Amino acid sequence: MLPHVVRFNSNGTNPYSDIHPDAEGLARRISQLLKLASIPGTLSEHGIPREILPRLADRASKQWTAQFNPRRVSEGICWGYTSRHFEP
């Protein structure tokens, strides 16, 4: 999910400029590293069943890290991201 989160947070800006000059480039590089490490890139590839996505979205929106996210995070936003990036 990290490459998708980087893309979501960039939204026309680059909150990651201290580590990479381009947010999309950073997301692509993270994807490359995940692939190189043979780490699945989607929730379905991790064996997560689709029916628990609403619960995952709810929990993700309540994580303490969501309070420090560069963009506002809600359960609806988390639901959209988990469902959209469930499969390749």
Foldseek 3Di string as FASTA:
>chain_A
DVLVLLVVLCPVHHPPCVPPVDSNVVSVVVVVVCVVVVHDDAQVVVVDDPVCLLVVLQVVLVDPVQVVRNDHHDSVNSSVVNVVRRDD
